[in-house]
Structures are given as structure tokens and as C-alpha cells.
Amino acid sequence: MANERKLKLMFRSVLAAVAAATAMTGVLTGCGGSTEFPPVITAVKVQSMLFGRTATINLGGKDLRSSVVVNSGGACTEPSFAANSSTDILVLNCTVKKVGDFVLDVQDANGKLIYSTTLTVPKPQVALIMASGSITLELDPIKAPATVDNFLYYVRQGYYSNTLFHRVIPGFVVQGGGYTTGMVKKAGQVAPIALETSLDSPSNVRSTVAMARTNVPNSATSEFFINLVDNTFLDFRSTASPGYAVFGTVVKGMDQADLIATQPTGVVNGFTDVPLTEVAISMALQVQ
């Protein structure tokens, strides 16, 4: 009898536990219609963010799911979450389209804002690496967006590797980006771009970088020049005198440009003002 009484008590305990669990499940379901907890973001850390490149941004928190939605107002487009994301860290990838500050909003699947922060994209910088040193250019996609996109395209393609500073005029400019050894035109140029100049455009002053072109306004492709002095006569004057599009500034290594300007020049393969000792760009790298 004693054993039978014990078995009955144990059975009643099990039934009570099951009933309690069932009741708790009903409470959870009644609160949210799901046993999932709402996603919580506690921190955002930028892993990499370069203008014109794919950014990697880590969203850290709890109960994170790929159903959350991010909005950057067009500053970082085509957002997606990497395969190595987890419930603690969502790895966001997107293509950076703007410079400066932008707001990154994160919403849950129902559109409720769960996190907001301000991120900053610096202006892009490109290092032109040579045997003698390097020249770092800071580009301005706000003043010359199409021109900067064009230049960065050539950088990403590795086009500038082993091209020359092929036109050097002391007290004026050093020009490069289109020819290789022996003044041979380098293949791989894409269609010319529209000339981005106006009365509000940056001036061709010392240390600025502008696109080289023919006497046809919309003819620039890969070639660029660095102003050694203030060449304001190259600025926009009118539609009949549209000038040359400035798209950046030398922020480091202007002494290297001045050094190039000291090289003896002559005629090579029919071209004048060519350094008699070749000044080659070994590579161009986006460093910011």
C-alpha cells in the first residue's frame, strides 16, 4: 500500500509540472504569438568602410536574426548579412556610396526601430607608389562624383600599375596614367567621361589633381595631372572655355611630385616633355 501511495503522489507531481509548463507556454504565446525573444542590438562596430567598396559592419547583441532591416538613407546600398552571422553578431555587408556622416537605422521584421547610430565615411585616398616614394591623393566625390568613380574604377582594376608619369613640365604639371615603357599607350581604357566643371568647381591650384583630356571637353579617360603651381587659367570660365576637372588633392608626397619635375625631359616616340629616365607608378592602392 505504501508503494502504491508513493506512485500516486509521483504521478500527481508530474501532472502538476506538465500543467505549469502548459500554462507558461500559453503566457508566452499570448504575449507575442511566438516563443522567440525580440532582437536586441547593444553595439555597432565598423570592421572596414572605404568609399566605393563593400563595407563590413558588425551588429552585436542578443537574439539577432537576418529578418532585421537596416536603412542608411542610400549611403550604403545593397545591404546583406554574411553567412558567418550568428544570433550574437550580424555581419552586415553593403556598398559605400557617400562620404561624411550618415545615420544607420536597424529595425525588426515588423518595422520597429531597435537601434540607431551615426557612422562616418572618410573621403577616399589613393597612394601612387613609385620606386622613389609615394604620392597620396585625397579624392572629392562630393565635388566630382563621376570623375572620382572613374578614377577609382581604374585603381580597382589595377590599371595604373606600371604606367608612367609621361609628361613633365616644371612650373606647370606632372601628368601620368596612360602610357607604359617606351611611350606605348596602355590598353584597357573604358569610355570617356563627362567633364565635371562649373563656376563652383575646385580651382587648379598647387597640389590639386585634375583629369587630363584632349581639346574635346568630354574626352577624359585614365590620365590625370598634378598641378605644381597655381594654374587657375585651367579653371572653368564658360561653356566655351570649360577648363579641367579637379577631383582631388595631394595630401602626402607633394615633394615627390616636385622631384619628378626636376627630371631631364626630351622627345620619346614622338612625344615631347617625356622624362628621359622613366618615372613609373608600380601600383595605385586605395588606402582610405
C-alpha atoms as a PDB file:
ATOM      1  CA  MET A   1       0.000   0.000   0.000  1.00  0.00           C
ATOM      2  CA  ALA A   2       2.819   2.385   0.883  1.00  0.00           C
ATOM      3  CA  ASN A   3       4.446   1.895  -2.522  1.00  0.00           C
ATOM      4  CA  GLU A   4       1.137   2.426  -4.289  1.00  0.00           C
ATOM      5  CA  ARG A   5       0.624   5.684  -2.356  1.00  0.00           C
ATOM      6  CA  LYS A   6       4.122   6.890  -3.377  1.00  0.00           C
ATOM      7  CA  LEU A   7       3.445   6.130  -7.063  1.00  0.00           C
ATOM      8  CA  LYS A   8       0.194   8.120  -6.922  1.00  0.00           C
ATOM      9  CA  LEU A   9       1.977  11.104  -5.367  1.00  0.00           C
ATOM     10  CA  MET A  10       4.731  10.995  -8.022  1.00  0.00           C
ATOM     11  CA  PHE A  11       2.137  10.813 -10.822  1.00  0.00           C
ATOM     12  CA  ARG A  12       0.286  13.812  -9.382  1.00  0.00           C
ATOM     13  CA  SER A  13       3.586  15.777  -9.236  1.00  0.00           C
ATOM     14  CA  VAL A  14       4.288  15.005 -12.897  1.00  0.00           C
ATOM     15  CA  LEU A  15       0.796  16.125 -13.898  1.00  0.00           C
ATOM     16  CA  ALA A  16       1.235  19.369 -11.933  1.00  0.00           C
ATOM     17  CA  ALA A  17       4.583  20.087 -13.678  1.00  0.00           C
ATOM     18  CA  VAL A  18       3.069  19.455 -17.098  1.00  0.00           C
ATOM     19  CA  ALA A  19       0.157  21.757 -16.297  1.00  0.00           C
ATOM     20  CA  ALA A  20       2.507  24.509 -15.134  1.00  0.00           C
ATOM     21  CA  ALA A  21       4.628  24.223 -18.297  1.00  0.00           C
ATOM     22  CA  THR A  22       1.492  24.326 -20.430  1.00  0.00           C
ATOM     23  CA  ALA A  23       0.290  27.437 -18.648  1.00  0.00           C
ATOM     24  CA  MET A  24       3.676  29.164 -19.143  1.00  0.00           C
ATOM     25  CA  THR A  25       3.612  28.336 -22.838  1.00  0.00           C
ATOM     26  CA  GLY A  26       0.181  29.933 -23.046  1.00  0.00           C
ATOM     27  CA  VAL A  27       1.529  33.084 -21.397  1.00  0.00           C
ATOM     28  CA  LEU A  28       4.440  33.346 -23.878  1.00  0.00           C
ATOM     29  CA  THR A  29       2.181  32.741 -26.842  1.00  0.00           C
ATOM     30  CA  GLY A  30      -0.353  35.236 -25.582  1.00  0.00           C
ATOM     31  CA  CYS A  31       2.334  37.949 -25.179  1.00  0.00           C
ATOM     32  CA  GLY A  32       3.916  37.755 -28.594  1.00  0.00           C
ATOM     33  CA  GLY A  33       2.429  34.984 -30.657  1.00  0.00           C
ATOM     34  CA  SER A  34       5.875  33.334 -30.721  1.00  0.00           C
ATOM     35  CA  THR A  35       8.387  31.786 -28.377  1.00  0.00           C
ATOM     36  CA  GLU A  36      11.178  33.948 -29.962  1.00  0.00           C
ATOM     37  CA  PHE A  37      12.575  36.863 -27.952  1.00  0.00           C
ATOM     38  CA  PRO A  38      12.776  40.272 -29.715  1.00  0.00           C
ATOM     39  CA  PRO A  39      16.189  41.096 -31.210  1.00  0.00           C
ATOM     40  CA  VAL A  40      18.359  43.459 -29.193  1.00  0.00           C
ATOM     41  CA  ILE A  41      21.375  45.374 -30.569  1.00  0.00           C
ATOM     42  CA  THR A  42      23.833  46.700 -27.999  1.00  0.00           C
ATOM     43  CA  ALA A  43      26.744  47.861 -30.187  1.00  0.00           C
ATOM     44  CA  VAL A  44      27.817  48.501 -33.780  1.00  0.00           C
ATOM     45  CA  LYS A  45      31.445  48.156 -34.839  1.00  0.00           C
ATOM     46  CA  VAL A  46      32.835  49.043 -38.273  1.00  0.00           C
ATOM     47  CA  GLN A  47      35.228  46.367 -39.492  1.00  0.00           C
ATOM     48  CA  SER A  48      36.020  48.119 -42.784  1.00  0.00           C
ATOM     49  CA  MET A  49      34.455  51.039 -44.634  1.00  0.00           C
ATOM     50  CA  LEU A  50      36.010  52.518 -47.790  1.00  0.00           C
ATOM     51  CA  PHE A  51      34.143  54.717 -50.225  1.00  0.00           C
ATOM     52  CA  GLY A  52      33.163  52.765 -53.329  1.00  0.00           C
ATOM     53  CA  ARG A  53      33.949  49.417 -51.683  1.00  0.00           C
ATOM     54  CA  THR A  54      31.987  46.780 -49.766  1.00  0.00           C
ATOM     55  CA  ALA A  55      31.795  47.681 -46.087  1.00  0.00           C
ATOM     56  CA  THR A  56      31.769  45.143 -43.254  1.00  0.00           C
ATOM     57  CA  ILE A  57      29.871  46.277 -40.155  1.00  0.00           C
ATOM     58  CA  ASN A  58      29.279  44.082 -37.092  1.00  0.00           C
ATOM     59  CA  LEU A  59      25.944  44.425 -35.250  1.00  0.00           C
ATOM     60  CA  GLY A  60      26.320  42.918 -31.781  1.00  0.00           C
ATOM     61  CA  GLY A  61      23.546  41.972 -29.384  1.00  0.00           C
ATOM     62  CA  LYS A  62      21.161  39.146 -28.453  1.00  0.00           C
ATOM     63  CA  ASP A  63      18.602  37.052 -30.312  1.00  0.00           C
ATOM     64  CA  LEU A  64      19.597  38.599 -33.634  1.00  0.00           C
ATOM     65  CA  ARG A  65      18.059  37.313 -36.846  1.00  0.00           C
ATOM     66  CA  SER A  66      18.590  38.046 -40.512  1.00  0.00           C
ATOM     67  CA  SER A  67      14.999  39.310 -40.695  1.00  0.00           C
ATOM     68  CA  VAL A  68      16.083  42.653 -39.211  1.00  0.00           C
ATOM     69  CA  VAL A  69      16.205  45.526 -41.694  1.00  0.00           C
ATOM     70  CA  VAL A  70      18.926  48.186 -41.999  1.00  0.00           C
ATOM     71  CA  ASN A  71      18.465  51.601 -43.570  1.00  0.00           C
ATOM     72  CA  SER A  72      21.283  54.034 -44.347  1.00  0.00           C
ATOM     73  CA  GLY A  73      19.404  56.548 -46.478  1.00  0.00           C
ATOM     74  CA  GLY A  74      21.314  55.435 -49.567  1.00  0.00           C
ATOM     75  CA  ALA A  75      24.771  55.887 -48.027  1.00  0.00           C
ATOM     76  CA  CYS A  76      25.460  52.131 -48.016  1.00  0.00           C
ATOM     77  CA  THR A  77      23.461  50.249 -50.633  1.00  0.00           C
ATOM     78  CA  GLU A  78      22.570  46.596 -51.299  1.00  0.00           C
ATOM     79  CA  PRO A  79      22.749  45.524 -47.622  1.00  0.00           C
ATOM     80  CA  SER A  80      23.016  41.818 -46.828  1.00  0.00           C
ATOM     81  CA  PHE A  81      24.100  39.646 -43.908  1.00  0.00           C
ATOM     82  CA  ALA A  82      27.139  37.397 -44.294  1.00  0.00           C
ATOM     83  CA  ALA A  83      26.891  33.627 -43.907  1.00  0.00           C
ATOM     84  CA  ASN A  84      29.069  33.738 -40.774  1.00  0.00           C
ATOM     85  CA  SER A  85      26.461  35.831 -38.895  1.00  0.00           C
ATOM     86  CA  SER A  86      25.120  34.463 -35.604  1.00  0.00           C
ATOM     87  CA  THR A  87      22.421  35.305 -33.059  1.00  0.00           C
ATOM     88  CA  ASP A  88      25.043  37.378 -31.194  1.00  0.00           C
ATOM     89  CA  ILE A  89      26.699  39.102 -34.171  1.00  0.00           C
ATOM     90  CA  LEU A  90      25.131  40.021 -37.502  1.00  0.00           C
ATOM     91  CA  VAL A  91      27.822  40.743 -40.114  1.00  0.00           C
ATOM     92  CA  LEU A  92      26.424  43.418 -42.410  1.00  0.00           C
ATOM     93  CA  ASN A  93      27.854  43.971 -45.890  1.00  0.00           C
ATOM     94  CA  CYS A  94      26.882  46.928 -48.092  1.00  0.00           C
ATOM     95  CA  THR A  95      28.401  49.119 -50.816  1.00  0.00           C
ATOM     96  CA  VAL A  96      29.536  52.563 -49.624  1.00  0.00           C
ATOM     97  CA  LYS A  97      28.160  55.318 -51.856  1.00  0.00           C
ATOM     98  CA  LYS A  98      28.626  58.520 -49.849  1.00  0.00           C
ATOM     99  CA  VAL A  99      31.243  60.257 -47.721  1.00  0.00           C
ATOM    100  CA  GLY A 100      30.679  62.063 -44.445  1.00  0.00           C
ATOM    101  CA  ASP A 101      28.250  61.234 -41.634  1.00  0.00           C
ATOM    102  CA  PHE A 102      25.189  59.069 -42.156  1.00  0.00           C
ATOM    103  CA  VAL A 103      22.581  57.517 -39.864  1.00  0.00           C
ATOM    104  CA  LEU A 104      22.295  53.736 -39.748  1.00  0.00           C
ATOM    105  CA  ASP A 105      18.879  52.604 -38.504  1.00  0.00           C
ATOM    106  CA  VAL A 106      18.106  48.984 -37.615  1.00  0.00           C
ATOM    107  CA  GLN A 107      14.508  47.777 -37.476  1.00  0.00           C
ATOM    108  CA  ASP A 108      12.926  44.469 -36.563  1.00  0.00           C
ATOM    109  CA  ALA A 109      10.836  42.476 -39.043  1.00  0.00           C
ATOM    110  CA  ASN A 110       7.763  44.497 -38.052  1.00  0.00           C
ATOM    111  CA  GLY A 111       9.408  47.848 -38.779  1.00  0.00           C
ATOM    112  CA  LYS A 112      10.075  48.797 -35.162  1.00  0.00           C
ATOM    113  CA  LEU A 113      13.300  50.764 -34.640  1.00  0.00           C
ATOM    114  CA  ILE A 114      15.628  48.801 -32.362  1.00  0.00           C
ATOM    115  CA  TYR A 115      18.900  50.700 -32.821  1.00  0.00           C
ATOM    116  CA  SER A 116      20.215  53.876 -34.449  1.00  0.00           C
ATOM    117  CA  THR A 117      23.756  55.202 -34.758  1.00  0.00           C
ATOM    118  CA  THR A 118      25.785  57.657 -36.816  1.00  0.00           C
ATOM    119  CA  LEU A 119      28.726  56.364 -38.865  1.00  0.00           C
ATOM    120  CA  THR A 120      31.348  58.350 -40.771  1.00  0.00           C
ATOM    121  CA  VAL A 121      32.855  57.575 -44.183  1.00  0.00           C
ATOM    122  CA  PRO A 122      36.137  59.433 -44.852  1.00  0.00           C
ATOM    123  CA  LYS A 123      36.998  60.827 -48.255  1.00  0.00           C
ATOM    124  CA  PRO A 124      38.794  58.164 -50.305  1.00  0.00           C
ATOM    125  CA  GLN A 125      42.578  58.274 -50.551  1.00  0.00           C
ATOM    126  CA  VAL A 126      44.766  56.594 -53.162  1.00  0.00           C
ATOM    127  CA  ALA A 127      48.521  56.046 -52.876  1.00  0.00           C
ATOM    128  CA  LEU A 128      50.589  56.147 -56.064  1.00  0.00           C
ATOM    129  CA  ILE A 129      53.603  54.007 -55.248  1.00  0.00           C
ATOM    130  CA  MET A 130      56.891  54.554 -57.077  1.00  0.00           C
ATOM    131  CA  ALA A 131      60.486  53.438 -56.600  1.00  0.00           C
ATOM    132  CA  SER A 132      61.416  56.842 -55.146  1.00  0.00           C
ATOM    133  CA  GLY A 133      58.458  57.095 -52.770  1.00  0.00           C
ATOM    134  CA  SER A 134      54.716  57.600 -52.905  1.00  0.00           C
ATOM    135  CA  ILE A 135      52.132  60.293 -53.518  1.00  0.00           C
ATOM    136  CA  THR A 136      48.804  60.116 -51.658  1.00  0.00           C
ATOM    137  CA  LEU A 137      45.758  61.693 -53.261  1.00  0.00           C
ATOM    138  CA  GLU A 138      42.573  62.523 -51.352  1.00  0.00           C
ATOM    139  CA  LEU A 139      39.588  62.448 -53.706  1.00  0.00           C
ATOM    140  CA  ASP A 140      36.419  64.534 -53.517  1.00  0.00           C
ATOM    141  CA  PRO A 141      33.316  62.556 -54.582  1.00  0.00           C
ATOM    142  CA  ILE A 142      31.075  65.429 -53.461  1.00  0.00           C
ATOM    143  CA  LYS A 143      32.519  67.965 -55.914  1.00  0.00           C
ATOM    144  CA  ALA A 144      33.298  65.493 -58.716  1.00  0.00           C
ATOM    145  CA  PRO A 145      31.338  62.240 -58.183  1.00  0.00           C
ATOM    146  CA  ALA A 146      31.561  60.793 -61.705  1.00  0.00           C
ATOM    147  CA  THR A 147      35.241  61.693 -62.028  1.00  0.00           C
ATOM    148  CA  VAL A 148      36.100  60.057 -58.703  1.00  0.00           C
ATOM    149  CA  ASP A 149      34.112  56.931 -59.593  1.00  0.00           C
ATOM    150  CA  ASN A 150      36.001  56.749 -62.889  1.00  0.00           C
ATOM    151  CA  PHE A 151      39.414  57.138 -61.235  1.00  0.00           C
ATOM    152  CA  LEU A 152      38.630  54.545 -58.562  1.00  0.00           C
ATOM    153  CA  TYR A 153      37.471  52.132 -61.264  1.00  0.00           C
ATOM    154  CA  TYR A 154      40.941  52.243 -62.819  1.00  0.00           C
ATOM    155  CA  VAL A 155      42.521  51.866 -59.368  1.00  0.00           C
ATOM    156  CA  ARG A 156      40.416  48.773 -58.582  1.00  0.00           C
ATOM    157  CA  GLN A 157      41.268  47.245 -61.962  1.00  0.00           C
ATOM    158  CA  GLY A 158      44.993  47.672 -61.300  1.00  0.00           C
ATOM    159  CA  TYR A 159      45.208  49.748 -64.464  1.00  0.00           C
ATOM    160  CA  TYR A 160      47.769  52.237 -63.136  1.00  0.00           C
ATOM    161  CA  SER A 161      50.365  49.551 -62.355  1.00  0.00           C
ATOM    162  CA  ASN A 162      53.485  50.163 -64.470  1.00  0.00           C
ATOM    163  CA  THR A 163      52.157  53.324 -66.077  1.00  0.00           C
ATOM    164  CA  LEU A 164      54.393  56.381 -66.372  1.00  0.00           C
ATOM    165  CA  PHE A 165      54.446  59.992 -65.403  1.00  0.00           C
ATOM    166  CA  HIS A 166      54.976  60.648 -69.079  1.00  0.00           C
ATOM    167  CA  ARG A 167      54.537  64.416 -69.379  1.00  0.00           C
ATOM    168  CA  VAL A 168      56.583  66.640 -67.095  1.00  0.00           C
ATOM    169  CA  ILE A 169      56.726  70.431 -67.365  1.00  0.00           C
ATOM    170  CA  PRO A 170      58.482  72.262 -64.492  1.00  0.00           C
ATOM    171  CA  GLY A 171      56.442  75.141 -63.131  1.00  0.00           C
ATOM    172  CA  PHE A 172      53.275  73.623 -64.596  1.00  0.00           C
ATOM    173  CA  VAL A 173      52.231  69.955 -64.174  1.00  0.00           C
ATOM    174  CA  VAL A 174      53.314  66.322 -63.978  1.00  0.00           C
ATOM    175  CA  GLN A 175      50.953  64.054 -65.915  1.00  0.00           C
ATOM    176  CA  GLY A 176      50.526  60.289 -65.932  1.00  0.00           C
ATOM    177  CA  GLY A 177      48.196  57.327 -66.071  1.00  0.00           C
ATOM    178  CA  GLY A 178      48.037  56.280 -69.720  1.00  0.00           C
ATOM    179  CA  TYR A 179      51.381  55.092 -71.098  1.00  0.00           C
ATOM    180  CA  THR A 180      53.890  52.336 -70.363  1.00  0.00           C
ATOM    181  CA  THR A 181      57.570  51.844 -71.163  1.00  0.00           C
ATOM    182  CA  GLY A 182      58.624  53.377 -74.484  1.00  0.00           C
ATOM    183  CA  MET A 183      55.533  55.637 -74.512  1.00  0.00           C
ATOM    184  CA  VAL A 184      53.226  52.814 -75.552  1.00  0.00           C
ATOM    185  CA  LYS A 185      49.543  53.525 -74.939  1.00  0.00           C
ATOM    186  CA  LYS A 186      48.233  51.130 -72.298  1.00  0.00           C
ATOM    187  CA  ALA A 187      45.199  49.072 -73.318  1.00  0.00           C
ATOM    188  CA  GLY A 188      42.127  48.730 -71.139  1.00  0.00           C
ATOM    189  CA  GLN A 189      40.722  52.237 -71.072  1.00  0.00           C
ATOM    190  CA  VAL A 190      36.946  52.499 -70.857  1.00  0.00           C
ATOM    191  CA  ALA A 191      34.623  55.096 -72.392  1.00  0.00           C
ATOM    192  CA  PRO A 192      35.424  58.787 -71.771  1.00  0.00           C
ATOM    193  CA  ILE A 193      33.539  60.570 -69.008  1.00  0.00           C
ATOM    194  CA  ALA A 194      31.569  63.798 -68.982  1.00  0.00           C
ATOM    195  CA  LEU A 195      33.547  66.859 -67.910  1.00  0.00           C
ATOM    196  CA  GLU A 196      32.571  67.889 -64.365  1.00  0.00           C
ATOM    197  CA  THR A 197      33.381  71.602 -64.240  1.00  0.00           C
ATOM    198  CA  SER A 198      31.403  74.701 -63.335  1.00  0.00           C
ATOM    199  CA  LEU A 199      31.912  78.063 -61.665  1.00  0.00           C
ATOM    200  CA  ASP A 200      31.658  76.222 -58.310  1.00  0.00           C
ATOM    201  CA  SER A 201      34.318  73.627 -59.143  1.00  0.00           C
ATOM    202  CA  PRO A 202      37.594  73.470 -57.189  1.00  0.00           C
ATOM    203  CA  SER A 203      40.386  75.553 -58.679  1.00  0.00           C
ATOM    204  CA  ASN A 204      43.522  74.169 -60.330  1.00  0.00           C
ATOM    205  CA  VAL A 205      45.845  75.415 -57.605  1.00  0.00           C
ATOM    206  CA  ARG A 206      49.118  73.831 -56.482  1.00  0.00           C
ATOM    207  CA  SER A 207      48.827  70.221 -55.244  1.00  0.00           C
ATOM    208  CA  THR A 208      45.369  69.642 -56.760  1.00  0.00           C
ATOM    209  CA  VAL A 209      44.754  66.695 -59.092  1.00  0.00           C
ATOM    210  CA  ALA A 210      42.722  67.029 -62.291  1.00  0.00           C
ATOM    211  CA  MET A 211      41.800  64.879 -65.277  1.00  0.00           C
ATOM    212  CA  ALA A 212      43.763  65.279 -68.481  1.00  0.00           C
ATOM    213  CA  ARG A 213      41.791  65.447 -71.715  1.00  0.00           C
ATOM    214  CA  THR A 214      42.039  66.459 -75.358  1.00  0.00           C
ATOM    215  CA  ASN A 215      40.596  69.702 -76.731  1.00  0.00           C
ATOM    216  CA  VAL A 216      37.226  67.904 -76.687  1.00  0.00           C
ATOM    217  CA  PRO A 217      35.587  68.572 -73.272  1.00  0.00           C
ATOM    218  CA  ASN A 218      34.124  65.093 -72.665  1.00  0.00           C
ATOM    219  CA  SER A 219      37.237  63.098 -73.540  1.00  0.00           C
ATOM    220  CA  ALA A 220      38.960  62.242 -70.223  1.00  0.00           C
ATOM    221  CA  THR A 221      39.661  58.553 -69.585  1.00  0.00           C
ATOM    222  CA  SER A 222      42.523  57.431 -67.299  1.00  0.00           C
ATOM    223  CA  GLU A 223      45.120  60.210 -67.495  1.00  0.00           C
ATOM    224  CA  PHE A 224      45.473  62.775 -64.716  1.00  0.00           C
ATOM    225  CA  PHE A 225      47.848  65.551 -63.734  1.00  0.00           C
ATOM    226  CA  ILE A 226      49.126  67.168 -60.552  1.00  0.00           C
ATOM    227  CA  ASN A 227      49.347  70.962 -60.539  1.00  0.00           C
ATOM    228  CA  LEU A 228      52.840  72.052 -59.477  1.00  0.00           C
ATOM    229  CA  VAL A 229      51.787  75.699 -59.194  1.00  0.00           C
ATOM    230  CA  ASP A 230      48.553  77.672 -59.207  1.00  0.00           C
ATOM    231  CA  ASN A 231      47.236  77.088 -62.731  1.00  0.00           C
ATOM    232  CA  THR A 232      43.972  78.966 -62.363  1.00  0.00           C
ATOM    233  CA  PHE A 233      43.815  79.592 -66.117  1.00  0.00           C
ATOM    234  CA  LEU A 234      42.814  75.892 -66.339  1.00  0.00           C
ATOM    235  CA  ASP A 235      39.612  76.577 -64.380  1.00  0.00           C
ATOM    236  CA  PHE A 236      36.106  76.799 -65.811  1.00  0.00           C
ATOM    237  CA  ARG A 237      35.394  80.151 -67.437  1.00  0.00           C
ATOM    238  CA  SER A 238      32.366  79.430 -69.613  1.00  0.00           C
ATOM    239  CA  THR A 239      30.862  76.664 -71.737  1.00  0.00           C
ATOM    240  CA  ALA A 240      33.244  77.777 -74.451  1.00  0.00           C
ATOM    241  CA  SER A 241      36.164  77.550 -72.006  1.00  0.00           C
ATOM    242  CA  PRO A 242      35.167  74.710 -69.629  1.00  0.00           C
ATOM    243  CA  GLY A 243      38.590  74.083 -68.106  1.00  0.00           C
ATOM    244  CA  TYR A 244      39.849  70.888 -66.447  1.00  0.00           C
ATOM    245  CA  ALA A 245      38.077  68.948 -63.710  1.00  0.00           C
ATOM    246  CA  VAL A 246      39.800  68.941 -60.326  1.00  0.00           C
ATOM    247  CA  PHE A 247      38.807  65.827 -58.354  1.00  0.00           C
ATOM    248  CA  GLY A 248      41.311  65.653 -55.525  1.00  0.00           C
ATOM    249  CA  THR A 249      44.351  66.980 -53.690  1.00  0.00           C
ATOM    250  CA  VAL A 250      47.793  65.659 -52.824  1.00  0.00           C
ATOM    251  CA  VAL A 251      47.772  65.218 -49.040  1.00  0.00           C
ATOM    252  CA  LYS A 252      51.141  63.480 -48.783  1.00  0.00           C
ATOM    253  CA  GLY A 253      54.176  63.271 -51.049  1.00  0.00           C
ATOM    254  CA  MET A 254      53.992  66.582 -52.897  1.00  0.00           C
ATOM    255  CA  ASP A 255      57.774  66.597 -52.588  1.00  0.00           C
ATOM    256  CA  GLN A 256      57.771  63.516 -54.836  1.00  0.00           C
ATOM    257  CA  ALA A 257      55.807  65.415 -57.490  1.00  0.00           C
ATOM    258  CA  ASP A 258      58.310  68.275 -57.234  1.00  0.00           C
ATOM    259  CA  LEU A 259      61.147  65.749 -57.561  1.00  0.00           C
ATOM    260  CA  ILE A 260      59.615  64.319 -60.743  1.00  0.00           C
ATOM    261  CA  ALA A 261      59.549  67.853 -62.152  1.00  0.00           C
ATOM    262  CA  THR A 262      63.350  68.049 -61.873  1.00  0.00           C
ATOM    263  CA  GLN A 263      63.889  65.117 -64.264  1.00  0.00           C
ATOM    264  CA  PRO A 264      65.512  65.969 -67.625  1.00  0.00           C
ATOM    265  CA  THR A 265      62.988  65.572 -70.426  1.00  0.00           C
ATOM    266  CA  GLY A 266      63.062  65.123 -74.183  1.00  0.00           C
ATOM    267  CA  VAL A 267      61.281  63.567 -77.142  1.00  0.00           C
ATOM    268  CA  VAL A 268      60.402  59.853 -76.896  1.00  0.00           C
ATOM    269  CA  ASN A 269      58.475  58.019 -79.608  1.00  0.00           C
ATOM    270  CA  GLY A 270      57.226  61.336 -80.950  1.00  0.00           C
ATOM    271  CA  PHE A 271      56.069  62.712 -77.564  1.00  0.00           C
ATOM    272  CA  THR A 272      57.632  65.814 -76.041  1.00  0.00           C
ATOM    273  CA  ASP A 273      58.291  66.608 -72.352  1.00  0.00           C
ATOM    274  CA  VAL A 274      58.910  62.942 -71.549  1.00  0.00           C
ATOM    275  CA  PRO A 275      61.329  62.169 -68.659  1.00  0.00           C
ATOM    276  CA  LEU A 276      64.451  60.587 -70.192  1.00  0.00           C
ATOM    277  CA  THR A 277      64.667  58.375 -67.111  1.00  0.00           C
ATOM    278  CA  GLU A 278      61.300  56.678 -66.761  1.00  0.00           C
ATOM    279  CA  VAL A 279      59.201  57.566 -63.717  1.00  0.00           C
ATOM    280  CA  ALA A 280      56.883  54.577 -63.264  1.00  0.00           C
ATOM    281  CA  ILE A 281      53.923  54.046 -60.954  1.00  0.00           C
ATOM    282  CA  SER A 282      54.415  50.499 -59.673  1.00  0.00           C
ATOM    283  CA  MET A 283      50.859  50.389 -58.327  1.00  0.00           C
ATOM    284  CA  ALA A 284      47.951  52.544 -57.148  1.00  0.00           C
ATOM    285  CA  LEU A 285      46.133  51.440 -53.981  1.00  0.00           C
ATOM    286  CA  GLN A 286      43.063  52.790 -52.235  1.00  0.00           C
ATOM    287  CA  VAL A 287      44.292  53.224 -48.669  1.00  0.00           C
ATOM    288  CA  GLN A 288      41.250  55.008 -47.204  1.00  0.00           C
END
